Amino acid sequence: MTDERGNSIVQSLAKVSKKQKLYKRPPAVEEEIAATLALPLHDAFRLAAAGCTRPQTLVYLIRNFRPNRPTPQYDAMVVAFFSRLERAGDRILRDLPENFRERAHTIVQSKALELLADNDLDMFECGFSRGAECLYLTARSKMRLRMRTEISREEMTVPDSDVSAEEIADALAARAGRAGTPLAEIKAELNKISALLTEEERIAVGHHLLMGRTFKETAAAMGCSDTKVKYLIKNVRDKARETRA
């Protein structure tokens, strides 16, 4: 379908892929988008939200007809987008334990929200399955790494510990970066402050103190920079000190 000047009424994609190729929709998708645009907008929204169109058409409507303020019809399309995205990811994540699948879904949803806010969904219009696969494979890799490196809270605690918060703070400050500390002492220290730690802080402390790894080794295991590991360890020491204030 074209306008009075003979130009297509469907907006072209402008972004390029990692291979520096311009994203391009399949002809069938272009035709369906054009046919959908010929309908009254509320009907187009309703059909897309109900799953009666290709997901690429749904993404096109979400991107190009964003209202100034939220509307039920538009919100229904956004909900449908995330529902389709999650279903596409279920197959990729099926070999992960349930708790890691949930976390992977959360990572993908967060990234998709960023892309939606930045109007950067060209890869989904080019191929919805390809876009979903790109996000979910990245999240899956992160979760598989986390499965190999994560240390449970229970493994780092010892019941009925008599170690004081002051001793913990001093020990963490003095021993940061040193290997060879007795395992029982480290567990006793962590028992006092484990409830205050974020997940990343808990993992960093486990690698750095419990396993005696260097900042670089810890960073490699966590998939981040050693600067971030140092920052996390500093946060842990600060939290330990706060407990004695």
Protein backbone atom coordinates (compact mmCIF):
# COMPACT_ATOMS: atom_id res chain seq x y z
CA MET A 1 0.00 0.00 0.00
CA THR A 2 1.32 3.44 -0.96
CA ASP A 3 0.44 7.06 -0.34
CA GLU A 4 -0.66 9.53 -3.01
CA ARG A 5 2.96 10.00 -4.06
CA GLY A 6 3.49 6.29 -4.59
CA ASN A 7 5.61 5.82 -1.47
CA SER A 8 5.01 2.95 0.91
CA ILE A 9 3.01 3.94 3.99
CA VAL A 10 5.09 1.53 6.07
CA GLN A 11 8.03 3.22 7.79
CA SER A 12 11.39 1.78 6.76
CA LEU A 13 13.85 0.39 9.28
CA ALA A 14 16.88 2.60 9.82
CA LYS A 15 19.18 0.65 12.15
CA VAL A 16 21.96 -1.69 11.09
CA SER A 17 22.85 -5.08 12.52
CA LYS A 18 26.16 -6.05 14.13
CA LYS A 19 27.21 -7.18 10.66
CA GLN A 20 26.59 -3.61 9.46
CA LYS A 21 23.65 -4.65 7.33
CA LEU A 22 20.47 -2.61 7.28
CA TYR A 23 17.60 -4.39 8.97
CA LYS A 24 14.88 -5.30 6.49
CA ARG A 25 11.46 -6.81 7.06
CA PRO A 26 10.35 -9.85 5.04
CA PRO A 27 7.92 -8.91 2.22
CA ALA A 28 5.06 -10.80 3.90
CA VAL A 29 5.52 -8.72 7.04
CA GLU A 30 5.53 -5.49 5.03
CA GLU A 31 2.27 -6.54 3.36
CA GLU A 32 0.60 -7.43 6.64
CA ILE A 33 1.64 -4.15 8.26
CA ALA A 34 0.27 -2.21 5.29
CA ALA A 35 -3.02 -4.14 5.45
CA THR A 36 -3.26 -3.53 9.19
CA LEU A 37 -2.67 0.20 8.75
CA ALA A 38 -5.66 0.31 6.39
CA LEU A 39 -7.91 -0.56 9.34
CA PRO A 40 -9.20 1.89 11.93
CA LEU A 41 -6.46 2.25 14.52
CA HIS A 42 -8.50 0.81 17.39
CA ASP A 43 -9.21 -2.31 15.30
CA ALA A 44 -5.53 -2.66 14.41
CA PHE A 45 -4.59 -2.39 18.09
CA ARG A 46 -7.22 -4.94 19.07
CA LEU A 47 -6.12 -7.50 16.48
CA ALA A 48 -2.44 -7.11 17.34
CA ALA A 49 -3.07 -7.42 21.09
CA ALA A 50 -5.18 -10.54 20.53
CA GLY A 51 -2.38 -12.27 18.64
CA CYS A 52 -4.15 -12.11 15.27
CA THR A 53 -1.15 -10.54 13.54
CA ARG A 54 2.49 -11.43 13.19
CA PRO A 55 4.59 -10.30 16.16
CA GLN A 56 6.51 -7.97 13.82
CA THR A 57 3.27 -6.14 13.07
CA LEU A 58 2.60 -5.86 16.79
CA VAL A 59 6.05 -4.33 17.30
CA TYR A 60 5.49 -1.90 14.43
CA LEU A 61 2.28 -0.60 15.98
CA ILE A 62 3.90 -0.30 19.41
CA ARG A 63 6.79 1.69 17.99
CA ASN A 64 4.96 3.99 15.62
CA PHE A 65 1.72 4.72 17.45
CA ARG A 66 2.87 5.41 20.98
CA PRO A 67 0.29 7.68 22.64
CA ASN A 68 1.16 10.78 24.66
CA ARG A 69 -0.43 9.14 27.67
CA PRO A 70 -1.14 5.48 28.47
CA THR A 71 -4.29 3.95 27.00
CA PRO A 72 -5.81 0.50 27.66
CA GLN A 73 -5.58 -0.42 23.97
CA TYR A 74 -1.89 0.45 23.69
CA ASP A 75 -1.05 -1.15 27.04
CA ALA A 76 -2.72 -4.36 25.86
CA MET A 77 -0.32 -4.47 22.91
CA VAL A 78 2.69 -4.00 25.19
CA VAL A 79 1.46 -6.83 27.41
CA ALA A 80 1.03 -9.02 24.33
CA PHE A 81 4.58 -8.18 23.23
CA PHE A 82 6.10 -9.31 26.52
CA SER A 83 3.90 -12.40 26.58
CA ARG A 84 5.11 -13.41 23.12
CA LEU A 85 8.68 -12.62 24.08
CA GLU A 86 8.48 -14.85 27.16
CA ARG A 87 6.95 -17.72 25.19
CA ALA A 88 9.75 -17.46 22.65
CA GLY A 89 12.29 -17.66 25.47
CA ASP A 90 10.78 -20.69 27.21
CA ARG A 91 12.25 -23.04 24.61
CA ILE A 92 15.73 -21.55 24.97
CA LEU A 93 15.67 -21.73 28.78
CA ARG A 94 14.10 -25.16 29.16
CA ASP A 95 17.36 -26.78 30.36
CA LEU A 96 17.77 -24.31 33.25
CA PRO A 97 16.38 -24.84 36.77
CA GLU A 98 13.14 -22.95 37.41
CA ASN A 99 14.67 -20.25 39.62
CA PHE A 100 17.31 -19.49 36.99
CA ARG A 101 14.68 -19.44 34.23
CA GLU A 102 12.75 -16.81 36.18
CA ARG A 103 15.85 -14.70 36.60
CA ALA A 104 16.68 -15.00 32.90
CA HIS A 105 13.16 -13.86 32.01
CA THR A 106 13.62 -10.86 34.30
CA ILE A 107 16.91 -9.95 32.61
CA VAL A 108 15.31 -10.13 29.16
CA GLN A 109 12.27 -8.13 30.22
CA SER A 110 14.50 -5.41 31.62
CA LYS A 111 16.54 -5.26 28.42
CA ALA A 112 13.39 -5.24 26.28
CA LEU A 113 12.03 -2.32 28.29
CA GLU A 114 15.24 -0.41 27.56
CA LEU A 115 14.94 -1.15 23.85
CA LEU A 116 11.30 -0.13 23.90
CA ALA A 117 12.08 3.14 25.68
CA ASP A 118 14.86 3.87 23.16
CA ASN A 119 12.67 2.84 20.19
CA ASP A 120 15.41 0.37 19.26
CA LEU A 121 13.38 -2.67 18.22
CA ASP A 122 14.47 -2.99 14.59
CA MET A 123 15.77 -6.52 15.07
CA PHE A 124 12.32 -7.58 16.32
CA GLU A 125 10.63 -6.15 13.22
CA CYS A 126 13.19 -7.86 11.01
CA GLY A 127 12.55 -11.19 12.75
CA PHE A 128 10.80 -11.50 16.10
CA SER A 129 12.21 -14.95 16.84
CA ARG A 130 15.69 -13.74 15.99
CA GLY A 131 15.36 -10.75 18.31
CA ALA A 132 14.02 -12.90 21.15
CA GLU A 133 16.77 -15.45 20.61
CA CYS A 134 19.45 -12.77 20.78
CA LEU A 135 18.24 -11.53 24.17
CA TYR A 136 17.54 -14.94 25.65
CA LEU A 137 20.80 -16.56 24.59
CA THR A 138 22.66 -13.74 26.32
CA ALA A 139 20.56 -14.16 29.47
CA ARG A 140 20.98 -17.94 29.32
CA SER A 141 24.77 -17.60 29.16
CA LYS A 142 24.72 -15.36 32.21
CA MET A 143 22.60 -17.83 34.15
CA ARG A 144 24.76 -20.81 33.21
CA LEU A 145 27.81 -18.91 34.43
CA ARG A 146 25.95 -17.99 37.60
CA MET A 147 25.01 -21.63 38.16
CA ARG A 148 28.69 -22.59 38.08
CA THR A 149 29.87 -19.80 40.35
CA GLU A 150 27.02 -18.95 42.68
CA ILE A 151 27.43 -19.81 46.35
CA SER A 152 24.28 -20.30 48.33
CA ARG A 153 23.68 -18.31 51.49
CA GLU A 154 23.47 -21.54 53.50
CA GLU A 155 26.98 -22.55 52.48
CA MET A 156 28.36 -19.34 53.93
CA THR A 157 26.65 -19.40 57.33
CA VAL A 158 27.26 -21.12 60.62
CA PRO A 159 24.50 -21.31 63.26
CA ASP A 160 24.97 -19.99 66.79
CA SER A 161 27.99 -17.89 65.92
CA ASP A 162 29.35 -15.68 68.73
CA VAL A 163 31.42 -13.43 66.49
CA SER A 164 30.71 -9.75 67.08
CA ALA A 165 29.95 -7.23 64.35
CA GLU A 166 33.09 -5.32 65.28
CA GLU A 167 35.22 -8.43 64.82
CA ILE A 168 33.58 -9.06 61.46
CA ALA A 169 34.29 -5.53 60.25
CA ASP A 170 37.91 -5.71 61.37
CA ALA A 171 38.40 -9.15 59.85
CA LEU A 172 36.90 -8.20 56.50
CA ALA A 173 38.95 -5.02 56.38
CA ALA A 174 42.19 -6.75 57.36
CA ARG A 175 41.79 -9.89 55.28
CA ALA A 176 40.46 -8.46 52.04
CA GLY A 177 42.70 -9.70 49.26
CA ARG A 178 44.41 -12.33 51.45
CA ALA A 179 43.97 -16.05 50.90
CA GLY A 180 44.44 -18.72 53.53
CA THR A 181 41.95 -17.50 56.11
CA PRO A 182 40.36 -20.47 57.93
CA LEU A 183 37.03 -21.42 56.37
CA ALA A 184 35.21 -21.55 59.72
CA GLU A 185 36.25 -17.99 60.56
CA ILE A 186 35.08 -16.65 57.24
CA LYS A 187 31.74 -18.44 57.56
CA ALA A 188 31.26 -17.05 61.06
CA GLU A 189 31.96 -13.54 59.80
CA LEU A 190 29.55 -13.87 56.89
CA ASN A 191 26.84 -15.26 59.16
CA LYS A 192 26.55 -11.91 60.90
CA ILE A 193 26.14 -9.76 57.83
CA SER A 194 24.74 -12.11 55.18
CA ALA A 195 21.25 -10.67 55.58
CA LEU A 196 22.58 -7.23 54.63
CA LEU A 197 24.31 -8.31 51.44
CA THR A 198 22.97 -8.04 47.93
CA GLU A 199 23.26 -11.09 45.70
CA GLU A 200 26.29 -9.69 43.88
CA GLU A 201 28.02 -8.76 47.14
CA ARG A 202 27.40 -12.23 48.53
CA ILE A 203 28.86 -13.89 45.44
CA ALA A 204 31.88 -11.56 45.39
CA VAL A 205 32.64 -12.20 49.06
CA GLY A 206 32.27 -15.93 48.57
CA HIS A 207 34.82 -16.00 45.76
CA HIS A 208 37.23 -13.47 47.21
CA LEU A 209 37.28 -14.50 50.88
CA LEU A 210 35.73 -17.94 51.08
CA MET A 211 37.61 -19.31 48.06
CA GLY A 212 40.63 -17.05 48.42
CA ARG A 213 40.51 -15.83 44.84
CA THR A 214 42.13 -12.60 43.69
CA PHE A 215 40.08 -9.65 42.49
CA LYS A 216 40.85 -10.60 38.87
CA GLU A 217 39.90 -14.24 39.40
CA THR A 218 36.68 -13.22 41.12
CA ALA A 219 35.89 -10.80 38.30
CA ALA A 220 36.43 -13.52 35.69
CA ALA A 221 34.13 -15.90 37.57
CA MET A 222 31.41 -13.26 37.91
CA GLY A 223 31.76 -11.89 34.39
CA CYS A 224 32.51 -8.33 35.48
CA SER A 225 35.53 -6.04 36.01
CA ASP A 226 37.90 -6.32 38.95
CA THR A 227 37.04 -2.69 39.72
CA LYS A 228 33.46 -3.72 40.34
CA VAL A 229 34.59 -6.60 42.55
CA LYS A 230 36.66 -4.17 44.65
CA TYR A 231 33.63 -1.91 44.91
CA LEU A 232 31.44 -4.81 46.06
CA ILE A 233 33.97 -5.92 48.68
CA LYS A 234 34.22 -2.34 49.97
CA ASN A 235 30.43 -2.24 50.29
CA VAL A 236 30.52 -5.44 52.33
CA ARG A 237 33.11 -4.03 54.71
CA ASP A 238 31.10 -0.82 55.09
CA LYS A 239 27.94 -2.79 55.86
CA ALA A 240 29.80 -4.84 58.45
CA ARG A 241 30.94 -1.66 60.16
CA GLU A 242 27.41 -0.27 60.13
CA THR A 243 26.17 -3.19 62.21
CA ARG A 244 28.31 -2.11 65.17
CA ALA A 245 27.32 1.57 65.01
